[in-house]
Amino acid sequence: MWLALVIGNTRLHWAIFAEDKLLGSWHTPHLMAEAAAQLQRQRFQSAAWRSLLNISPASLLPKSNWQPSSLWIASVVPAQTALWTNGSAEDTIPTQVVTRSHIPLSNLYSTLGIDRAINLLGAGTTVGWPVLVIDGGTALTLTAGSQASLWGGAILPGLRLQTNALTQGTAALAEAVEITQAELWERATLPERWATDTVGAIASGLSYGILSTLTDYLNDWWQQFPTGNVIFTGGDSPLLHALFTQHMRKTKNIARTPEIVSRVQVNSDLMFWGMWAYRRALTLVL
């Protein structure tokens, strides 16, 4: 068994594999040094996780008992990376950190986020090329690839980052923003475009603003790659996919055709399949 850890800007994403089988995944906030050291000393076995109920509820973990023999890390937060790589060989399991030069994709530029590259690798591995990954995380990123090569992409603020900006930048909207967040994420329903109250206006601006951007990029994507696939991933991917699907039904654009709709999917474990593909490629090289 082996453990995958993808360190994002706000959360840690974990998965346990039995060779090629994904047994389960869970997510935690960034951990403090004491909690990290405790997991390392107990070699990340399932019992160690279940003892940290306030961090990762036992109900979210795979039911079976497991003890990984290695830890594979992809990170965009150096300070968090250090917590998981500073233990001695006696204190923890062998650890490998993903490096851009070993990712089996071509045309990667030097500042491309490791998380974006790993997601793209996972997408190409699971559905094939060409493929566009829409990652709804802290930032909303679009990363496209063809024939195991980066084709291009874009970065803009994610939904939660946009709502936080409204809260921090305005004096009168904080309460309305909080209500909007709760209702939008809970209902996952496309709001009325022309609102008659503040909460509705914020929901409309957030939803249709991002959807207009995504629709424009996707229409161009399918003009460039008519058979290209699209995968939503990241924490907000279920919401974005639900809103996008509802939006497609209401508007007339290339994305309405059944063939296109069938090529748009959600895969919350995409990053872990990217880690699996990276580990497999590196193992073959070594």
C-alpha atoms as a PDB file:
ATOM      1  CA  MET A   1       0.000   0.000   0.000  1.00  0.00           C
ATOM      2  CA  TRP A   2       1.077   3.596  -0.572  1.00  0.00           C
ATOM      3  CA  LEU A   3      -0.250   6.999   0.482  1.00  0.00           C
ATOM      4  CA  ALA A   4      -0.744  10.030  -1.765  1.00  0.00           C
ATOM      5  CA  LEU A   5      -0.760  13.586  -0.419  1.00  0.00           C
ATOM      6  CA  VAL A   6      -1.601  16.610  -2.566  1.00  0.00           C
ATOM      7  CA  ILE A   7      -0.959  19.843  -0.677  1.00  0.00           C
ATOM      8  CA  GLY A   8      -3.228  22.635  -1.860  1.00  0.00           C
ATOM      9  CA  ASN A   9      -3.408  26.282  -0.857  1.00  0.00           C
ATOM     10  CA  THR A  10      -6.018  25.699   1.854  1.00  0.00           C
ATOM     11  CA  ARG A  11      -6.341  21.917   2.347  1.00  0.00           C
ATOM     12  CA  LEU A  12      -4.462  18.631   2.338  1.00  0.00           C
ATOM     13  CA  HIS A  13      -5.835  15.935   0.035  1.00  0.00           C
ATOM     14  CA  TRP A  14      -5.084  12.320   0.978  1.00  0.00           C
ATOM     15  CA  ALA A  15      -5.621   8.956  -0.716  1.00  0.00           C
ATOM     16  CA  ILE A  16      -4.622   5.396   0.097  1.00  0.00           C
ATOM     17  CA  PHE A  17      -3.833   2.937  -2.700  1.00  0.00           C
ATOM     18  CA  ALA A  18      -3.272  -0.802  -2.750  1.00  0.00           C
ATOM     19  CA  GLU A  19      -0.911  -0.751  -5.738  1.00  0.00           C
ATOM     20  CA  ASP A  20      -3.293   0.244  -8.593  1.00  0.00           C
ATOM     21  CA  LYS A  21      -6.532   0.258  -6.578  1.00  0.00           C
ATOM     22  CA  LEU A  22      -7.752   3.461  -4.952  1.00  0.00           C
ATOM     23  CA  LEU A  23      -9.134   2.403  -1.566  1.00  0.00           C
ATOM     24  CA  GLY A  24     -10.352   5.819  -0.446  1.00  0.00           C
ATOM     25  CA  SER A  25      -9.631   9.522  -0.148  1.00  0.00           C
ATOM     26  CA  TRP A  26     -10.192  12.250   2.438  1.00  0.00           C
ATOM     27  CA  HIS A  27      -9.337  15.887   3.035  1.00  0.00           C
ATOM     28  CA  THR A  28      -8.047  17.853   6.005  1.00  0.00           C
ATOM     29  CA  PRO A  29      -7.051  21.432   6.739  1.00  0.00           C
ATOM     30  CA  HIS A  30      -3.342  22.187   6.788  1.00  0.00           C
ATOM     31  CA  LEU A  31      -1.998  20.397   9.860  1.00  0.00           C
ATOM     32  CA  MET A  32       0.180  21.755  12.629  1.00  0.00           C
ATOM     33  CA  ALA A  33       3.652  20.332  13.216  1.00  0.00           C
ATOM     34  CA  GLU A  34       2.561  18.294  16.245  1.00  0.00           C
ATOM     35  CA  ALA A  35      -0.193  16.486  14.332  1.00  0.00           C
ATOM     36  CA  ALA A  36       2.133  15.855  11.391  1.00  0.00           C
ATOM     37  CA  ALA A  37       4.788  14.416  13.681  1.00  0.00           C
ATOM     38  CA  GLN A  38       2.236  12.161  15.357  1.00  0.00           C
ATOM     39  CA  LEU A  39       1.134  10.713  12.029  1.00  0.00           C
ATOM     40  CA  GLN A  40       4.749  10.221  10.975  1.00  0.00           C
ATOM     41  CA  ARG A  41       5.699   8.444  14.195  1.00  0.00           C
ATOM     42  CA  GLN A  42       2.766   6.072  13.741  1.00  0.00           C
ATOM     43  CA  ARG A  43       3.748   5.587  10.083  1.00  0.00           C
ATOM     44  CA  PHE A  44       0.409   6.876   8.785  1.00  0.00           C
ATOM     45  CA  GLN A  45      -1.433   3.663   9.621  1.00  0.00           C
ATOM     46  CA  SER A  46      -5.230   3.765   9.742  1.00  0.00           C
ATOM     47  CA  ALA A  47      -5.333   3.709  13.559  1.00  0.00           C
ATOM     48  CA  ALA A  48      -3.299   6.914  13.666  1.00  0.00           C
ATOM     49  CA  TRP A  49      -5.852   8.688  11.506  1.00  0.00           C
ATOM     50  CA  ARG A  50      -8.785   7.457  13.531  1.00  0.00           C
ATOM     51  CA  SER A  51      -7.184   8.842  16.681  1.00  0.00           C
ATOM     52  CA  LEU A  52      -7.284  12.329  15.137  1.00  0.00           C
ATOM     53  CA  LEU A  53     -11.096  12.510  15.007  1.00  0.00           C
ATOM     54  CA  ASN A  54     -11.126  16.283  15.243  1.00  0.00           C
ATOM     55  CA  ILE A  55      -9.009  16.484  12.082  1.00  0.00           C
ATOM     56  CA  SER A  56     -10.345  13.668   9.928  1.00  0.00           C
ATOM     57  CA  PRO A  57     -13.553  11.972  11.133  1.00  0.00           C
ATOM     58  CA  ALA A  58     -13.267   8.194  11.088  1.00  0.00           C
ATOM     59  CA  SER A  59     -16.376   7.974   8.900  1.00  0.00           C
ATOM     60  CA  LEU A  60     -14.441   9.605   6.040  1.00  0.00           C
ATOM     61  CA  LEU A  61     -11.647   7.032   6.077  1.00  0.00           C
ATOM     62  CA  PRO A  62     -11.540   3.664   4.274  1.00  0.00           C
ATOM     63  CA  LYS A  63     -13.103   1.037   6.519  1.00  0.00           C
ATOM     64  CA  SER A  64     -10.289  -1.510   6.341  1.00  0.00           C
ATOM     65  CA  ASN A  65      -7.072  -1.322   8.345  1.00  0.00           C
ATOM     66  CA  TRP A  66      -4.050  -0.232   6.357  1.00  0.00           C
ATOM     67  CA  GLN A  67      -0.437   0.803   6.766  1.00  0.00           C
ATOM     68  CA  PRO A  68       1.256   2.415   3.758  1.00  0.00           C
ATOM     69  CA  SER A  69       4.815   1.558   2.873  1.00  0.00           C
ATOM     70  CA  SER A  70       5.547   4.928   1.230  1.00  0.00           C
ATOM     71  CA  LEU A  71       4.260   8.500   0.974  1.00  0.00           C
ATOM     72  CA  TRP A  72       4.106  10.415  -2.327  1.00  0.00           C
ATOM     73  CA  ILE A  73       3.676  14.194  -2.117  1.00  0.00           C
ATOM     74  CA  ALA A  74       2.689  16.860  -4.647  1.00  0.00           C
ATOM     75  CA  SER A  75       2.679  20.361  -3.175  1.00  0.00           C
ATOM     76  CA  VAL A  76       2.202  24.039  -3.942  1.00  0.00           C
ATOM     77  CA  VAL A  77       2.900  25.142  -0.341  1.00  0.00           C
ATOM     78  CA  PRO A  78       6.597  24.772   0.616  1.00  0.00           C
ATOM     79  CA  ALA A  79       5.977  25.355   4.339  1.00  0.00           C
ATOM     80  CA  GLN A  80       3.547  22.446   4.474  1.00  0.00           C
ATOM     81  CA  THR A  81       5.841  20.259   2.379  1.00  0.00           C
ATOM     82  CA  ALA A  82       8.559  20.689   4.987  1.00  0.00           C
ATOM     83  CA  LEU A  83       6.346  19.190   7.693  1.00  0.00           C
ATOM     84  CA  TRP A  84       6.142  15.896   5.830  1.00  0.00           C
ATOM     85  CA  THR A  85       9.735  15.646   4.628  1.00  0.00           C
ATOM     86  CA  ASN A  86      11.794  16.541   7.693  1.00  0.00           C
ATOM     87  CA  GLY A  87      11.397  13.252   9.565  1.00  0.00           C
ATOM     88  CA  SER A  88      14.242  10.760   9.805  1.00  0.00           C
ATOM     89  CA  ALA A  89      14.062   7.355   8.161  1.00  0.00           C
ATOM     90  CA  GLU A  90      13.425   5.801  11.559  1.00  0.00           C
ATOM     91  CA  ASP A  91      10.514   8.128  12.333  1.00  0.00           C
ATOM     92  CA  THR A  92       8.429   7.769   9.192  1.00  0.00           C
ATOM     93  CA  ILE A  93       7.890   5.879   5.953  1.00  0.00           C
ATOM     94  CA  PRO A  94       9.928   6.558   2.777  1.00  0.00           C
ATOM     95  CA  THR A  95       8.775   9.788   1.128  1.00  0.00           C
ATOM     96  CA  GLN A  96       8.906  10.959  -2.484  1.00  0.00           C
ATOM     97  CA  VAL A  97       8.127  14.543  -3.541  1.00  0.00           C
ATOM     98  CA  VAL A  98       6.838  15.140  -7.062  1.00  0.00           C
ATOM     99  CA  THR A  99       9.230  17.170  -9.190  1.00  0.00           C
ATOM    100  CA  ARG A 100       8.205  18.890 -12.393  1.00  0.00           C
ATOM    101  CA  SER A 101      11.094  17.381 -14.368  1.00  0.00           C
ATOM    102  CA  HIS A 102       9.855  13.840 -13.689  1.00  0.00           C
ATOM    103  CA  ILE A 103       6.213  14.419 -14.619  1.00  0.00           C
ATOM    104  CA  PRO A 104       5.680  12.473 -17.877  1.00  0.00           C
ATOM    105  CA  LEU A 105       4.259  15.464 -19.773  1.00  0.00           C
ATOM    106  CA  SER A 106       6.006  17.713 -22.267  1.00  0.00           C
ATOM    107  CA  ASN A 107       5.879  21.485 -22.704  1.00  0.00           C
ATOM    108  CA  LEU A 108       5.582  22.219 -18.962  1.00  0.00           C
ATOM    109  CA  TYR A 109       6.762  25.751 -18.186  1.00  0.00           C
ATOM    110  CA  SER A 110       8.858  26.445 -15.099  1.00  0.00           C
ATOM    111  CA  THR A 111       6.166  28.180 -13.028  1.00  0.00           C
ATOM    112  CA  LEU A 112       3.291  25.810 -13.815  1.00  0.00           C
ATOM    113  CA  GLY A 113       1.724  24.662 -10.555  1.00  0.00           C
ATOM    114  CA  ILE A 114       2.522  21.068  -9.648  1.00  0.00           C
ATOM    115  CA  ASP A 115      -1.160  20.538  -8.807  1.00  0.00           C
ATOM    116  CA  ARG A 116      -2.226  21.611 -12.302  1.00  0.00           C
ATOM    117  CA  ALA A 117       0.328  19.322 -13.943  1.00  0.00           C
ATOM    118  CA  ILE A 118      -0.713  16.364 -11.772  1.00  0.00           C
ATOM    119  CA  ASN A 119      -4.399  16.961 -12.544  1.00  0.00           C
ATOM    120  CA  LEU A 120      -3.658  17.097 -16.262  1.00  0.00           C
ATOM    121  CA  LEU A 121      -1.661  13.877 -16.047  1.00  0.00           C
ATOM    122  CA  GLY A 122      -4.542  12.225 -14.194  1.00  0.00           C
ATOM    123  CA  ALA A 123      -7.030  13.420 -16.795  1.00  0.00           C
ATOM    124  CA  GLY A 124      -4.997  12.145 -19.725  1.00  0.00           C
ATOM    125  CA  THR A 125      -4.517   8.835 -17.927  1.00  0.00           C
ATOM    126  CA  THR A 126      -8.200   8.305 -17.111  1.00  0.00           C
ATOM    127  CA  VAL A 127     -10.057   9.630 -20.190  1.00  0.00           C
ATOM    128  CA  GLY A 128      -7.309  10.082 -22.785  1.00  0.00           C
ATOM    129  CA  TRP A 129      -6.170  13.038 -24.883  1.00  0.00           C
ATOM    130  CA  PRO A 130      -7.024  15.779 -25.707  1.00  0.00           C
ATOM    131  CA  VAL A 131      -8.500  16.862 -22.386  1.00  0.00           C
ATOM    132  CA  LEU A 132      -9.277  20.081 -20.521  1.00  0.00           C
ATOM    133  CA  VAL A 133      -9.221  20.135 -16.697  1.00  0.00           C
ATOM    134  CA  ILE A 134     -11.328  22.732 -14.884  1.00  0.00           C
ATOM    135  CA  ASP A 135     -10.204  22.812 -11.256  1.00  0.00           C
ATOM    136  CA  GLY A 136     -12.622  24.580  -8.920  1.00  0.00           C
ATOM    137  CA  GLY A 137     -10.390  25.250  -5.960  1.00  0.00           C
ATOM    138  CA  THR A 138      -9.163  28.420  -4.265  1.00  0.00           C
ATOM    139  CA  ALA A 139      -8.291  29.551  -7.777  1.00  0.00           C
ATOM    140  CA  LEU A 140     -10.331  28.412 -10.752  1.00  0.00           C
ATOM    141  CA  THR A 141      -7.826  27.003 -13.237  1.00  0.00           C
ATOM    142  CA  LEU A 142      -8.208  25.680 -16.753  1.00  0.00           C
ATOM    143  CA  THR A 143      -5.420  23.374 -17.932  1.00  0.00           C
ATOM    144  CA  ALA A 144      -5.539  21.788 -21.382  1.00  0.00           C
ATOM    145  CA  GLY A 145      -3.388  19.058 -22.872  1.00  0.00           C
ATOM    146  CA  SER A 146      -3.037  17.029 -26.043  1.00  0.00           C
ATOM    147  CA  GLN A 147      -0.898  13.958 -26.709  1.00  0.00           C
ATOM    148  CA  ALA A 148       0.643  14.042 -23.208  1.00  0.00           C
ATOM    149  CA  SER A 149       1.706  17.656 -23.692  1.00  0.00           C
ATOM    150  CA  LEU A 150       0.513  20.857 -22.064  1.00  0.00           C
ATOM    151  CA  TRP A 151      -1.457  22.905 -24.582  1.00  0.00           C
ATOM    152  CA  GLY A 152      -2.316  25.921 -22.459  1.00  0.00           C
ATOM    153  CA  GLY A 153      -4.609  27.260 -19.769  1.00  0.00           C
ATOM    154  CA  ALA A 154      -5.889  30.108 -17.637  1.00  0.00           C
ATOM    155  CA  ILE A 155      -6.240  31.124 -13.982  1.00  0.00           C
ATOM    156  CA  LEU A 156      -8.923  33.245 -12.313  1.00  0.00           C
ATOM    157  CA  PRO A 157     -10.299  33.604  -8.775  1.00  0.00           C
ATOM    158  CA  GLY A 158     -12.459  30.698  -7.634  1.00  0.00           C
ATOM    159  CA  LEU A 159     -16.036  31.057  -6.408  1.00  0.00           C
ATOM    160  CA  ARG A 160     -15.119  31.215  -2.729  1.00  0.00           C
ATOM    161  CA  LEU A 161     -12.281  33.642  -3.378  1.00  0.00           C
ATOM    162  CA  GLN A 162     -14.677  35.923  -5.225  1.00  0.00           C
ATOM    163  CA  THR A 163     -17.189  35.836  -2.388  1.00  0.00           C
ATOM    164  CA  ASN A 164     -14.420  36.527   0.140  1.00  0.00           C
ATOM    165  CA  ALA A 165     -13.315  39.514  -1.930  1.00  0.00           C
ATOM    166  CA  LEU A 166     -16.829  40.961  -1.752  1.00  0.00           C
ATOM    167  CA  THR A 167     -16.847  40.510   2.013  1.00  0.00           C
ATOM    168  CA  GLN A 168     -13.437  42.123   2.520  1.00  0.00           C
ATOM    169  CA  GLY A 169     -13.873  44.918  -0.004  1.00  0.00           C
ATOM    170  CA  THR A 170     -17.326  46.187   0.896  1.00  0.00           C
ATOM    171  CA  ALA A 171     -18.910  47.409   4.116  1.00  0.00           C
ATOM    172  CA  ALA A 172     -22.556  46.521   3.452  1.00  0.00           C
ATOM    173  CA  LEU A 173     -22.441  43.147   1.682  1.00  0.00           C
ATOM    174  CA  ALA A 174     -20.852  40.812   4.264  1.00  0.00           C
ATOM    175  CA  GLU A 175     -24.119  39.392   5.624  1.00  0.00           C
ATOM    176  CA  ALA A 176     -25.627  39.024   2.158  1.00  0.00           C
ATOM    177  CA  VAL A 177     -22.491  37.269   0.910  1.00  0.00           C
ATOM    178  CA  GLU A 178     -22.647  34.781   3.774  1.00  0.00           C
ATOM    179  CA  ILE A 179     -26.294  33.966   2.984  1.00  0.00           C
ATOM    180  CA  THR A 180     -25.488  33.685  -0.709  1.00  0.00           C
ATOM    181  CA  GLN A 181     -22.684  31.211  -0.055  1.00  0.00           C
ATOM    182  CA  ALA A 182     -24.879  28.995   2.103  1.00  0.00           C
ATOM    183  CA  GLU A 183     -27.780  28.972  -0.348  1.00  0.00           C
ATOM    184  CA  LEU A 184     -25.729  28.611  -3.533  1.00  0.00           C
ATOM    185  CA  TRP A 185     -23.589  25.714  -2.292  1.00  0.00           C
ATOM    186  CA  GLU A 186     -26.507  23.950  -0.592  1.00  0.00           C
ATOM    187  CA  ARG A 187     -28.989  24.179  -3.452  1.00  0.00           C
ATOM    188  CA  ALA A 188     -26.591  24.023  -6.401  1.00  0.00           C
ATOM    189  CA  THR A 189     -29.334  25.657  -8.441  1.00  0.00           C
ATOM    190  CA  LEU A 190     -28.813  28.299 -11.115  1.00  0.00           C
ATOM    191  CA  PRO A 191     -30.204  31.593  -9.751  1.00  0.00           C
ATOM    192  CA  GLU A 192     -32.340  34.092 -11.630  1.00  0.00           C
ATOM    193  CA  ARG A 193     -30.141  36.221 -13.851  1.00  0.00           C
ATOM    194  CA  TRP A 194     -31.967  39.488 -13.118  1.00  0.00           C
ATOM    195  CA  ALA A 195     -32.282  39.610  -9.324  1.00  0.00           C
ATOM    196  CA  THR A 196     -34.538  41.838  -7.227  1.00  0.00           C
ATOM    197  CA  ASP A 197     -32.632  41.599  -3.925  1.00  0.00           C
ATOM    198  CA  THR A 198     -29.010  41.805  -2.801  1.00  0.00           C
ATOM    199  CA  VAL A 199     -28.515  38.097  -2.073  1.00  0.00           C
ATOM    200  CA  GLY A 200     -29.929  37.188  -5.478  1.00  0.00           C
ATOM    201  CA  ALA A 201     -27.806  39.824  -7.183  1.00  0.00           C
ATOM    202  CA  ILE A 202     -24.614  38.431  -5.659  1.00  0.00           C
ATOM    203  CA  ALA A 203     -25.610  34.868  -6.588  1.00  0.00           C
ATOM    204  CA  SER A 204     -26.358  35.999 -10.133  1.00  0.00           C
ATOM    205  CA  GLY A 205     -23.091  37.862 -10.532  1.00  0.00           C
ATOM    206  CA  LEU A 206     -21.003  35.001  -9.164  1.00  0.00           C
ATOM    207  CA  SER A 207     -22.771  32.269 -11.101  1.00  0.00           C
ATOM    208  CA  TYR A 208     -23.239  33.890 -14.499  1.00  0.00           C
ATOM    209  CA  GLY A 209     -19.882  35.630 -14.349  1.00  0.00           C
ATOM    210  CA  ILE A 210     -17.988  32.350 -13.983  1.00  0.00           C
ATOM    211  CA  LEU A 211     -20.335  30.477 -16.330  1.00  0.00           C
ATOM    212  CA  SER A 212     -19.885  33.074 -19.068  1.00  0.00           C
ATOM    213  CA  THR A 213     -16.127  32.729 -18.736  1.00  0.00           C
ATOM    214  CA  LEU A 214     -16.254  28.927 -18.787  1.00  0.00           C
ATOM    215  CA  THR A 215     -18.645  28.835 -21.739  1.00  0.00           C
ATOM    216  CA  ASP A 216     -16.389  31.121 -23.752  1.00  0.00           C
ATOM    217  CA  TYR A 217     -13.319  28.995 -23.026  1.00  0.00           C
ATOM    218  CA  LEU A 218     -15.164  25.728 -23.694  1.00  0.00           C
ATOM    219  CA  ASN A 219     -16.572  26.902 -27.001  1.00  0.00           C
ATOM    220  CA  ASP A 220     -13.048  27.810 -28.077  1.00  0.00           C
ATOM    221  CA  TRP A 221     -11.701  24.501 -26.701  1.00  0.00           C
ATOM    222  CA  TRP A 222     -14.132  22.485 -28.810  1.00  0.00           C
ATOM    223  CA  GLN A 223     -13.346  24.562 -31.874  1.00  0.00           C
ATOM    224  CA  GLN A 224      -9.671  23.673 -31.381  1.00  0.00           C
ATOM    225  CA  PHE A 225     -10.343  20.039 -30.352  1.00  0.00           C
ATOM    226  CA  PRO A 226     -13.826  18.918 -31.478  1.00  0.00           C
ATOM    227  CA  THR A 227     -13.412  15.513 -29.770  1.00  0.00           C
ATOM    228  CA  GLY A 228     -11.792  16.896 -26.619  1.00  0.00           C
ATOM    229  CA  ASN A 229     -12.984  15.829 -23.181  1.00  0.00           C
ATOM    230  CA  VAL A 230     -13.616  18.127 -20.195  1.00  0.00           C
ATOM    231  CA  ILE A 231     -13.246  17.169 -16.531  1.00  0.00           C
ATOM    232  CA  PHE A 232     -14.329  19.264 -13.560  1.00  0.00           C
ATOM    233  CA  THR A 233     -12.348  18.598 -10.406  1.00  0.00           C
ATOM    234  CA  GLY A 234     -11.571  20.314  -7.104  1.00  0.00           C
ATOM    235  CA  GLY A 235     -13.700  21.182  -4.100  1.00  0.00           C
ATOM    236  CA  ASP A 236     -16.251  23.273  -5.991  1.00  0.00           C
ATOM    237  CA  SER A 237     -16.441  20.929  -8.997  1.00  0.00           C
ATOM    238  CA  PRO A 238     -19.869  19.413  -8.143  1.00  0.00           C
ATOM    239  CA  LEU A 239     -21.385  22.897  -7.841  1.00  0.00           C
ATOM    240  CA  LEU A 240     -19.706  24.241 -10.977  1.00  0.00           C
ATOM    241  CA  HIS A 241     -20.708  21.184 -12.988  1.00  0.00           C
ATOM    242  CA  ALA A 242     -24.315  21.416 -11.767  1.00  0.00           C
ATOM    243  CA  LEU A 243     -24.551  25.126 -12.617  1.00  0.00           C
ATOM    244  CA  PHE A 244     -22.850  24.590 -15.965  1.00  0.00           C
ATOM    245  CA  THR A 245     -25.196  21.746 -16.912  1.00  0.00           C
ATOM    246  CA  GLN A 246     -28.249  23.866 -16.051  1.00  0.00           C
ATOM    247  CA  HIS A 247     -26.761  26.780 -17.983  1.00  0.00           C
ATOM    248  CA  MET A 248     -26.231  24.623 -21.082  1.00  0.00           C
ATOM    249  CA  ARG A 249     -29.891  23.653 -21.105  1.00  0.00           C
ATOM    250  CA  LYS A 250     -30.933  27.294 -21.158  1.00  0.00           C
ATOM    251  CA  THR A 251     -28.561  28.703 -23.745  1.00  0.00           C
ATOM    252  CA  LYS A 252     -27.845  28.060 -27.384  1.00  0.00           C
ATOM    253  CA  ASN A 253     -24.207  27.254 -27.900  1.00  0.00           C
ATOM    254  CA  ILE A 254     -21.997  24.417 -29.032  1.00  0.00           C
ATOM    255  CA  ALA A 255     -22.062  22.841 -25.574  1.00  0.00           C
ATOM    256  CA  ARG A 256     -25.771  21.929 -25.859  1.00  0.00           C
ATOM    257  CA  THR A 257     -25.336  18.993 -28.216  1.00  0.00           C
ATOM    258  CA  PRO A 258     -25.712  15.552 -26.548  1.00  0.00           C
ATOM    259  CA  GLU A 259     -22.326  14.421 -27.837  1.00  0.00           C
ATOM    260  CA  ILE A 260     -20.628  17.368 -26.160  1.00  0.00           C
ATOM    261  CA  VAL A 261     -22.564  16.973 -22.918  1.00  0.00           C
ATOM    262  CA  SER A 262     -21.422  13.352 -22.647  1.00  0.00           C
ATOM    263  CA  ARG A 263     -17.803  14.508 -22.703  1.00  0.00           C
ATOM    264  CA  VAL A 264     -18.167  16.777 -19.654  1.00  0.00           C
ATOM    265  CA  GLN A 265     -17.756  14.961 -16.354  1.00  0.00           C
ATOM    266  CA  VAL A 266     -16.754  15.368 -12.702  1.00  0.00           C
ATOM    267  CA  ASN A 267     -13.861  13.478 -11.118  1.00  0.00           C
ATOM    268  CA  SER A 268     -12.967  14.548  -7.591  1.00  0.00           C
ATOM    269  CA  ASP A 269     -10.131  11.983  -7.452  1.00  0.00           C
ATOM    270  CA  LEU A 270      -8.364  13.246 -10.570  1.00  0.00           C
ATOM    271  CA  MET A 271      -5.317  14.467  -8.629  1.00  0.00           C
ATOM    272  CA  PHE A 272      -4.841  11.029  -7.098  1.00  0.00           C
ATOM    273  CA  TRP A 273      -4.875   9.293 -10.475  1.00  0.00           C
ATOM    274  CA  GLY A 274      -2.271  11.815 -11.533  1.00  0.00           C
ATOM    275  CA  MET A 275      -0.188  10.768  -8.534  1.00  0.00           C
ATOM    276  CA  TRP A 276      -0.723   7.123  -9.485  1.00  0.00           C
ATOM    277  CA  ALA A 277       0.477   7.813 -13.048  1.00  0.00           C
ATOM    278  CA  TYR A 278       3.497   9.762 -11.777  1.00  0.00           C
ATOM    279  CA  ARG A 279       4.473   6.989  -9.372  1.00  0.00           C
ATOM    280  CA  ARG A 280       4.097   4.375 -12.090  1.00  0.00           C
ATOM    281  CA  ALA A 281       6.222   6.376 -14.560  1.00  0.00           C
ATOM    282  CA  LEU A 282       8.940   7.066 -11.986  1.00  0.00           C
ATOM    283  CA  THR A 283       9.014   3.446 -10.836  1.00  0.00           C
ATOM    284  CA  LEU A 284       9.517   2.295 -14.417  1.00  0.00           C
ATOM    285  CA  VAL A 285      12.392   4.734 -14.847  1.00  0.00           C
ATOM    286  CA  LEU A 286      14.059   3.662 -11.614  1.00  0.00           C
END
